[in-house]
Amino acid sequence: MGCATETLLVPLVVIIAFSLYYPAVIRSEESRMLQIHGDEARRYMKSTPAFIPRFSNFKEPEQYLANPRIFRKNLFDALWFIWIVGLLELVEGLHEAGILPTFCTLY
């Protein structure tokens, strides 16, 4: 999302915020997984990196079973950033056309 702003400042702020916030999220999720799943979660955490994926671990199943209602909900949850990119492009176009005034420039 930060890169969609086409600036240097916003991606830098996003990277810093993410790197400060995400380790706490990882610890919280790991703790919750251990409470719920115990030894199975412990085995999973030993074989799966917490941050950077190891693509050699990826195994494609023969079939996926999906609940359409849950799939649709998660699809819409994942698409929010595309709407924001479109909104940023619209604002940029309105600035370039002189329709929307520019109050400040971040780059």
N, C-alpha and C. Protein backbone atom coordinates (compact mmCIF):
# COMPACT_ATOMS: atom_id res chain seq x y z
N MET A 1 0.83 -1.18 0.00
CA MET A 1 0.00 0.00 0.00
C MET A 1 0.87 1.23 0.00
N GLY A 2 1.92 1.19 0.78
CA GLY A 2 2.79 2.36 0.84
C GLY A 2 3.39 2.70 -0.51
N CYS A 3 3.73 1.69 -1.31
CA CYS A 3 4.31 1.93 -2.63
C CYS A 3 3.30 2.53 -3.60
N ALA A 4 2.02 2.31 -3.38
CA ALA A 4 0.99 2.85 -4.27
C ALA A 4 0.92 4.37 -4.19
N THR A 5 1.47 4.96 -3.13
CA THR A 5 1.45 6.42 -3.02
C THR A 5 2.49 7.07 -3.92
N GLU A 6 3.41 6.26 -4.47
CA GLU A 6 4.47 6.74 -5.36
C GLU A 6 5.34 7.80 -4.69
N THR A 7 5.59 7.60 -3.40
CA THR A 7 6.47 8.48 -2.63
C THR A 7 7.55 7.62 -1.99
N LEU A 8 8.52 8.26 -1.38
CA LEU A 8 9.52 7.53 -0.60
C LEU A 8 9.16 7.53 0.88
N LEU A 9 8.53 8.60 1.34
CA LEU A 9 8.23 8.75 2.75
C LEU A 9 7.20 7.74 3.25
N VAL A 10 6.10 7.58 2.53
CA VAL A 10 5.02 6.70 3.01
C VAL A 10 5.49 5.24 3.09
N PRO A 11 6.14 4.68 2.05
CA PRO A 11 6.63 3.29 2.20
C PRO A 11 7.63 3.14 3.35
N LEU A 12 8.47 4.15 3.56
CA LEU A 12 9.43 4.09 4.66
C LEU A 12 8.71 4.06 6.01
N VAL A 13 7.69 4.89 6.18
CA VAL A 13 6.90 4.90 7.41
C VAL A 13 6.19 3.56 7.60
N VAL A 14 5.63 3.01 6.51
CA VAL A 14 4.94 1.72 6.59
C VAL A 14 5.91 0.61 6.99
N ILE A 15 7.10 0.59 6.41
CA ILE A 15 8.10 -0.43 6.73
C ILE A 15 8.52 -0.34 8.19
N ILE A 16 8.75 0.87 8.67
CA ILE A 16 9.15 1.06 10.07
C ILE A 16 8.02 0.63 11.01
N ALA A 17 6.80 1.06 10.72
CA ALA A 17 5.66 0.71 11.57
C ALA A 17 5.44 -0.81 11.57
N PHE A 18 5.54 -1.42 10.39
CA PHE A 18 5.35 -2.87 10.28
C PHE A 18 6.41 -3.61 11.07
N SER A 19 7.67 -3.20 10.94
CA SER A 19 8.75 -3.91 11.62
C SER A 19 8.69 -3.73 13.13
N LEU A 20 8.09 -2.66 13.62
CA LEU A 20 7.92 -2.48 15.06
C LEU A 20 6.70 -3.24 15.59
N TYR A 21 5.65 -3.32 14.79
CA TYR A 21 4.39 -3.90 15.24
C TYR A 21 4.32 -5.42 15.05
N TYR A 22 4.83 -5.91 13.94
CA TYR A 22 4.60 -7.30 13.56
C TYR A 22 5.24 -8.34 14.48
N PRO A 23 6.43 -8.12 15.05
CA PRO A 23 6.97 -9.12 15.98
C PRO A 23 6.03 -9.41 17.16
N ALA A 24 5.33 -8.40 17.66
CA ALA A 24 4.36 -8.61 18.74
C ALA A 24 3.18 -9.44 18.25
N VAL A 25 2.76 -9.22 17.01
CA VAL A 25 1.67 -10.01 16.43
C VAL A 25 2.10 -11.47 16.31
N ILE A 26 3.31 -11.72 15.86
CA ILE A 26 3.82 -13.09 15.72
C ILE A 26 3.83 -13.79 17.08
N ARG A 27 4.35 -13.12 18.10
CA ARG A 27 4.40 -13.73 19.44
C ARG A 27 2.99 -14.03 19.95
N SER A 28 2.07 -13.11 19.74
CA SER A 28 0.69 -13.30 20.18
C SER A 28 0.03 -14.49 19.47
N GLU A 29 0.22 -14.57 18.15
CA GLU A 29 -0.37 -15.67 17.38
C GLU A 29 0.25 -17.01 17.77
N GLU A 30 1.55 -17.03 17.98
CA GLU A 30 2.21 -18.28 18.38
C GLU A 30 1.72 -18.74 19.74
N SER A 31 1.56 -17.81 20.67
CA SER A 31 1.06 -18.14 21.99
C SER A 31 -0.35 -18.72 21.91
N ARG A 32 -1.18 -18.08 21.12
CA ARG A 32 -2.58 -18.55 20.95
C ARG A 32 -2.60 -19.94 20.30
N MET A 33 -1.76 -20.15 19.28
CA MET A 33 -1.70 -21.46 18.63
C MET A 33 -1.28 -22.55 19.61
N LEU A 34 -0.30 -22.23 20.47
CA LEU A 34 0.15 -23.22 21.45
C LEU A 34 -0.96 -23.55 22.45
N GLN A 35 -1.73 -22.54 22.85
CA GLN A 35 -2.84 -22.79 23.78
C GLN A 35 -3.89 -23.69 23.15
N ILE A 36 -4.20 -23.45 21.90
CA ILE A 36 -5.27 -24.19 21.23
C ILE A 36 -4.82 -25.56 20.75
N HIS A 37 -3.62 -25.61 20.13
CA HIS A 37 -3.20 -26.83 19.44
C HIS A 37 -2.04 -27.58 20.09
N GLY A 38 -1.40 -27.00 21.08
CA GLY A 38 -0.34 -27.68 21.84
C GLY A 38 0.82 -28.20 21.01
N ASP A 39 1.09 -29.50 21.11
CA ASP A 39 2.26 -30.11 20.44
C ASP A 39 2.19 -30.01 18.93
N GLU A 40 0.99 -30.07 18.37
CA GLU A 40 0.85 -29.94 16.92
C GLU A 40 1.33 -28.56 16.47
N ALA A 41 0.97 -27.52 17.22
CA ALA A 41 1.43 -26.16 16.89
C ALA A 41 2.93 -26.05 17.07
N ARG A 42 3.48 -26.68 18.10
CA ARG A 42 4.92 -26.66 18.34
C ARG A 42 5.67 -27.27 17.16
N ARG A 43 5.19 -28.40 16.64
CA ARG A 43 5.81 -29.03 15.46
C ARG A 43 5.71 -28.12 14.23
N TYR A 44 4.54 -27.51 14.07
CA TYR A 44 4.33 -26.60 12.94
C TYR A 44 5.31 -25.42 13.01
N MET A 45 5.45 -24.83 14.20
CA MET A 45 6.33 -23.66 14.35
C MET A 45 7.80 -24.02 14.13
N LYS A 46 8.19 -25.27 14.43
CA LYS A 46 9.57 -25.69 14.17
C LYS A 46 9.85 -25.80 12.68
N SER A 47 8.86 -26.19 11.91
CA SER A 47 9.08 -26.42 10.47
C SER A 47 8.71 -25.21 9.60
N THR A 48 8.04 -24.22 10.18
CA THR A 48 7.56 -23.09 9.40
C THR A 48 8.14 -21.78 9.93
N PRO A 49 8.86 -21.02 9.10
CA PRO A 49 9.41 -19.74 9.55
C PRO A 49 8.27 -18.77 9.93
N ALA A 50 8.52 -17.94 10.91
CA ALA A 50 7.49 -17.02 11.40
C ALA A 50 7.30 -15.82 10.48
N PHE A 51 8.31 -15.45 9.73
CA PHE A 51 8.21 -14.20 8.96
C PHE A 51 8.40 -14.38 7.46
N ILE A 52 9.55 -14.88 7.06
CA ILE A 52 9.84 -15.04 5.63
C ILE A 52 9.53 -16.48 5.23
N PRO A 53 8.65 -16.69 4.27
CA PRO A 53 8.25 -18.06 3.92
C PRO A 53 9.40 -18.87 3.31
N ARG A 54 9.36 -20.15 3.54
CA ARG A 54 10.32 -21.08 2.93
C ARG A 54 9.53 -21.85 1.87
N PHE A 55 9.72 -21.49 0.61
CA PHE A 55 8.92 -22.06 -0.47
C PHE A 55 9.16 -23.55 -0.68
N SER A 56 10.27 -24.05 -0.17
CA SER A 56 10.52 -25.50 -0.29
C SER A 56 9.54 -26.29 0.58
N ASN A 57 8.90 -25.65 1.55
CA ASN A 57 7.91 -26.32 2.40
C ASN A 57 6.54 -26.42 1.74
N PHE A 58 6.34 -25.69 0.67
CA PHE A 58 5.01 -25.62 0.06
C PHE A 58 4.67 -26.94 -0.64
N LYS A 59 3.50 -27.46 -0.29
CA LYS A 59 2.99 -28.68 -0.93
C LYS A 59 1.55 -28.42 -1.33
N GLU A 60 1.27 -28.57 -2.60
CA GLU A 60 -0.08 -28.33 -3.14
C GLU A 60 -0.94 -29.57 -2.92
N PRO A 61 -2.12 -29.40 -2.29
CA PRO A 61 -3.02 -30.54 -2.15
C PRO A 61 -3.68 -30.88 -3.48
N GLU A 62 -4.18 -32.08 -3.58
CA GLU A 62 -4.89 -32.50 -4.81
C GLU A 62 -6.19 -31.73 -4.97
N GLN A 63 -6.83 -31.38 -3.85
CA GLN A 63 -8.13 -30.73 -3.87
C GLN A 63 -8.24 -29.73 -2.74
N TYR A 64 -9.01 -28.67 -2.98
CA TYR A 64 -9.36 -27.73 -1.94
C TYR A 64 -10.86 -27.82 -1.69
N LEU A 65 -11.25 -27.87 -0.44
CA LEU A 65 -12.66 -27.81 -0.09
C LEU A 65 -12.90 -26.42 0.48
N ALA A 66 -13.91 -25.72 -0.02
CA ALA A 66 -14.15 -24.35 0.41
C ALA A 66 -15.61 -24.11 0.72
N ASN A 67 -15.85 -23.37 1.78
CA ASN A 67 -17.18 -22.91 2.12
C ASN A 67 -17.39 -21.59 1.37
N PRO A 68 -18.33 -21.50 0.44
CA PRO A 68 -18.48 -20.29 -0.38
C PRO A 68 -18.69 -19.02 0.45
N ARG A 69 -19.43 -19.10 1.53
CA ARG A 69 -19.69 -17.91 2.35
C ARG A 69 -18.39 -17.40 2.99
N ILE A 70 -17.61 -18.31 3.55
CA ILE A 70 -16.34 -17.94 4.17
C ILE A 70 -15.34 -17.46 3.12
N PHE A 71 -15.30 -18.14 1.97
CA PHE A 71 -14.41 -17.74 0.88
C PHE A 71 -14.73 -16.32 0.43
N ARG A 72 -16.01 -16.02 0.22
CA ARG A 72 -16.43 -14.68 -0.23
C ARG A 72 -16.06 -13.62 0.81
N LYS A 73 -16.27 -13.91 2.08
CA LYS A 73 -15.94 -12.95 3.13
C LYS A 73 -14.44 -12.65 3.12
N ASN A 74 -13.62 -13.70 3.04
CA ASN A 74 -12.18 -13.51 3.03
C ASN A 74 -11.69 -12.83 1.76
N LEU A 75 -12.35 -13.09 0.65
CA LEU A 75 -12.00 -12.42 -0.60
C LEU A 75 -12.21 -10.91 -0.46
N PHE A 76 -13.35 -10.50 0.08
CA PHE A 76 -13.61 -9.07 0.27
C PHE A 76 -12.67 -8.47 1.31
N ASP A 77 -12.31 -9.24 2.34
CA ASP A 77 -11.34 -8.75 3.33
C ASP A 77 -9.99 -8.48 2.69
N ALA A 78 -9.61 -9.28 1.70
CA ALA A 78 -8.30 -9.14 1.06
C ALA A 78 -8.27 -8.08 -0.03
N LEU A 79 -9.41 -7.64 -0.49
CA LEU A 79 -9.45 -6.71 -1.62
C LEU A 79 -9.49 -5.23 -1.22
N TRP A 80 -9.52 -4.92 0.07
CA TRP A 80 -9.63 -3.54 0.49
C TRP A 80 -8.51 -2.67 -0.08
N PHE A 81 -7.29 -3.23 -0.16
CA PHE A 81 -6.16 -2.43 -0.62
C PHE A 81 -6.29 -2.05 -2.09
N ILE A 82 -6.95 -2.87 -2.90
CA ILE A 82 -7.13 -2.53 -4.31
C ILE A 82 -8.02 -1.30 -4.44
N TRP A 83 -9.04 -1.21 -3.60
CA TRP A 83 -9.90 -0.02 -3.60
C TRP A 83 -9.09 1.22 -3.21
N ILE A 84 -8.18 1.09 -2.24
CA ILE A 84 -7.38 2.24 -1.81
C ILE A 84 -6.42 2.66 -2.91
N VAL A 85 -5.81 1.68 -3.61
CA VAL A 85 -4.92 2.02 -4.73
C VAL A 85 -5.71 2.79 -5.79
N GLY A 86 -6.91 2.32 -6.09
CA GLY A 86 -7.75 3.04 -7.05
C GLY A 86 -8.08 4.44 -6.59
N LEU A 87 -8.37 4.61 -5.31
CA LEU A 87 -8.66 5.93 -4.76
C LEU A 87 -7.44 6.84 -4.86
N LEU A 88 -6.26 6.31 -4.55
CA LEU A 88 -5.03 7.10 -4.67
C LEU A 88 -4.80 7.52 -6.13
N GLU A 89 -5.04 6.63 -7.07
CA GLU A 89 -4.88 6.97 -8.48
C GLU A 89 -5.88 8.04 -8.91
N LEU A 90 -7.11 7.93 -8.41
CA LEU A 90 -8.13 8.94 -8.72
C LEU A 90 -7.72 10.31 -8.19
N VAL A 91 -7.26 10.36 -6.94
CA VAL A 91 -6.81 11.63 -6.37
C VAL A 91 -5.64 12.19 -7.17
N GLU A 92 -4.70 11.34 -7.54
CA GLU A 92 -3.56 11.79 -8.35
C GLU A 92 -4.03 12.36 -9.68
N GLY A 93 -4.96 11.68 -10.33
CA GLY A 93 -5.49 12.18 -11.60
C GLY A 93 -6.21 13.51 -11.44
N LEU A 94 -6.96 13.66 -10.36
CA LEU A 94 -7.66 14.93 -10.11
C LEU A 94 -6.67 16.05 -9.82
N HIS A 95 -5.57 15.73 -9.14
CA HIS A 95 -4.51 16.73 -8.91
C HIS A 95 -3.89 17.15 -10.24
N GLU A 96 -3.54 16.18 -11.07
CA GLU A 96 -2.90 16.48 -12.36
C GLU A 96 -3.81 17.26 -13.28
N ALA A 97 -5.12 17.03 -13.19
CA ALA A 97 -6.08 17.74 -14.04
C ALA A 97 -6.40 19.12 -13.48
N GLY A 98 -5.92 19.44 -12.29
CA GLY A 98 -6.18 20.74 -11.69
C GLY A 98 -7.57 20.84 -11.06
N ILE A 99 -8.28 19.74 -10.95
CA ILE A 99 -9.62 19.74 -10.37
C ILE A 99 -9.55 19.77 -8.84
N LEU A 100 -8.59 19.06 -8.30
CA LEU A 100 -8.43 18.97 -6.84
C LEU A 100 -7.14 19.68 -6.47
N PRO A 101 -7.21 20.66 -5.55
CA PRO A 101 -5.99 21.38 -5.20
C PRO A 101 -5.02 20.51 -4.39
N THR A 102 -3.73 20.81 -4.50
CA THR A 102 -2.70 20.11 -3.75
C THR A 102 -2.35 20.97 -2.55
N PHE A 103 -2.58 20.44 -1.35
CA PHE A 103 -2.29 21.21 -0.13
C PHE A 103 -0.85 21.01 0.33
N CYS A 104 -0.30 19.81 0.11
CA CYS A 104 1.10 19.56 0.45
C CYS A 104 1.60 18.40 -0.40
N THR A 105 2.91 18.33 -0.54
CA THR A 105 3.53 17.25 -1.29
C THR A 105 4.49 16.54 -0.36
N LEU A 106 4.43 15.22 -0.31
CA LEU A 106 5.26 14.45 0.60
C LEU A 106 6.57 14.00 -0.03
N TYR A 107 6.80 14.28 -1.28
CA TYR A 107 8.04 13.85 -1.93
C TYR A 107 8.59 14.94 -2.79
